[in-house]
């Protein structure tokens, strides 16, 4: 499953979502997510950043990790 979406609302901003199946051959390694997220936070403080990482195991169990920059700001 590879799904992307872009939702915009005038005066409110945009929501960008990308999903990639973990086992897909075209899925690139995630790399250094912490450094990437920190760079986004520091270089664009006016943007409300939310990072959500979701995994689903072979039994359909879903596990979410969410990091919202609200508490940092």
C-alpha atoms as a PDB file:
ATOM      1  CA  UNK A   1       0.000   0.000   0.000  1.00  0.00           C
ATOM      2  CA  UNK A   2       1.392   3.352  -0.990  1.00  0.00           C
ATOM      3  CA  UNK A   3      -0.923   6.234  -0.318  1.00  0.00           C
ATOM      4  CA  UNK A   4      -0.286   9.946  -0.290  1.00  0.00           C
ATOM      5  CA  UNK A   5      -2.572  12.853   0.371  1.00  0.00           C
ATOM      6  CA  UNK A   6      -2.385  16.613   0.537  1.00  0.00           C
ATOM      7  CA  UNK A   7      -5.174  18.554   2.212  1.00  0.00           C
ATOM      8  CA  UNK A   8      -5.105  22.350   2.254  1.00  0.00           C
ATOM      9  CA  UNK A   9      -7.398  24.938   3.751  1.00  0.00           C
ATOM     10  CA  UNK A  10      -6.991  28.620   2.980  1.00  0.00           C
ATOM     11  CA  UNK A  11      -5.673  30.520   5.991  1.00  0.00           C
ATOM     12  CA  UNK A  12      -5.218  27.349   8.053  1.00  0.00           C
ATOM     13  CA  UNK A  13      -2.395  25.434   6.377  1.00  0.00           C
ATOM     14  CA  UNK A  14      -1.860  21.998   4.910  1.00  0.00           C
ATOM     15  CA  UNK A  15      -1.767  18.375   5.998  1.00  0.00           C
ATOM     16  CA  UNK A  16       0.564  16.022   4.164  1.00  0.00           C
ATOM     17  CA  UNK A  17       0.291  12.276   4.633  1.00  0.00           C
ATOM     18  CA  UNK A  18       2.400   9.493   3.121  1.00  0.00           C
ATOM     19  CA  UNK A  19       2.085   5.772   3.763  1.00  0.00           C
ATOM     20  CA  UNK A  20       4.388   3.031   2.567  1.00  0.00           C
ATOM     21  CA  UNK A  21       4.180  -0.699   3.129  1.00  0.00           C
ATOM     22  CA  UNK A  22       7.251  -1.628   5.178  1.00  0.00           C
ATOM     23  CA  UNK A  23       8.127  -4.660   3.075  1.00  0.00           C
ATOM     24  CA  UNK A  24       7.761  -2.904  -0.300  1.00  0.00           C
ATOM     25  CA  UNK A  25      10.943  -3.022  -2.374  1.00  0.00           C
ATOM     26  CA  UNK A  26      10.642   0.684  -3.327  1.00  0.00           C
ATOM     27  CA  UNK A  27      10.377   1.890   0.286  1.00  0.00           C
ATOM     28  CA  UNK A  28      13.579   3.703   1.161  1.00  0.00           C
ATOM     29  CA  UNK A  29      15.111   3.446   4.658  1.00  0.00           C
ATOM     30  CA  UNK A  30      13.763   6.102   7.009  1.00  0.00           C
ATOM     31  CA  UNK A  31      17.211   7.416   7.912  1.00  0.00           C
ATOM     32  CA  UNK A  32      17.820   9.726  10.863  1.00  0.00           C
ATOM     33  CA  UNK A  33      14.253  10.772  11.701  1.00  0.00           C
ATOM     34  CA  UNK A  34      15.249  12.595  14.918  1.00  0.00           C
ATOM     35  CA  UNK A  35      17.692  14.908  13.137  1.00  0.00           C
ATOM     36  CA  UNK A  36      15.290  15.509  10.275  1.00  0.00           C
ATOM     37  CA  UNK A  37      12.450  16.395  12.656  1.00  0.00           C
ATOM     38  CA  UNK A  38      14.720  18.667  14.700  1.00  0.00           C
ATOM     39  CA  UNK A  39      15.833  20.479  11.543  1.00  0.00           C
ATOM     40  CA  UNK A  40      12.173  21.043  10.579  1.00  0.00           C
ATOM     41  CA  UNK A  41      11.310  22.349  14.058  1.00  0.00           C
ATOM     42  CA  UNK A  42      14.244  24.761  14.209  1.00  0.00           C
ATOM     43  CA  UNK A  43      14.069  26.046  10.642  1.00  0.00           C
ATOM     44  CA  UNK A  44      10.275  26.505  10.528  1.00  0.00           C
ATOM     45  CA  UNK A  45       9.041  27.308  14.060  1.00  0.00           C
ATOM     46  CA  UNK A  46       5.845  28.899  12.732  1.00  0.00           C
ATOM     47  CA  UNK A  47       4.639  25.500  11.493  1.00  0.00           C
ATOM     48  CA  UNK A  48       2.830  23.066  13.806  1.00  0.00           C
ATOM     49  CA  UNK A  49       4.649  19.772  13.248  1.00  0.00           C
ATOM     50  CA  UNK A  50       3.147  16.394  14.182  1.00  0.00           C
ATOM     51  CA  UNK A  51       5.039  13.179  13.447  1.00  0.00           C
ATOM     52  CA  UNK A  52       3.056   9.947  13.560  1.00  0.00           C
ATOM     53  CA  UNK A  53       4.686   6.565  13.016  1.00  0.00           C
ATOM     54  CA  UNK A  54       2.264   3.659  12.757  1.00  0.00           C
ATOM     55  CA  UNK A  55       3.063  -0.025  12.458  1.00  0.00           C
ATOM     56  CA  UNK A  56       0.779  -2.979  11.855  1.00  0.00           C
ATOM     57  CA  UNK A  57       1.963  -6.505  12.551  1.00  0.00           C
ATOM     58  CA  UNK A  58       0.969  -9.569  10.540  1.00  0.00           C
ATOM     59  CA  UNK A  59      -2.003 -10.148  12.868  1.00  0.00           C
ATOM     60  CA  UNK A  60      -3.445  -6.685  12.237  1.00  0.00           C
ATOM     61  CA  UNK A  61      -2.412  -5.191  15.586  1.00  0.00           C
ATOM     62  CA  UNK A  62      -1.695  -1.463  15.209  1.00  0.00           C
ATOM     63  CA  UNK A  63       0.870   0.451  17.258  1.00  0.00           C
ATOM     64  CA  UNK A  64       1.224   4.248  17.055  1.00  0.00           C
ATOM     65  CA  UNK A  65       3.950   6.640  18.090  1.00  0.00           C
ATOM     66  CA  UNK A  66       3.043  10.342  17.926  1.00  0.00           C
ATOM     67  CA  UNK A  67       5.235  13.356  18.560  1.00  0.00           C
ATOM     68  CA  UNK A  68       3.559  16.782  18.591  1.00  0.00           C
ATOM     69  CA  UNK A  69       5.703  19.918  18.863  1.00  0.00           C
ATOM     70  CA  UNK A  70       3.126  21.797  20.963  1.00  0.00           C
ATOM     71  CA  UNK A  71       4.793  21.033  24.293  1.00  0.00           C
ATOM     72  CA  UNK A  72       8.190  22.157  22.989  1.00  0.00           C
ATOM     73  CA  UNK A  73       6.853  25.482  21.795  1.00  0.00           C
END
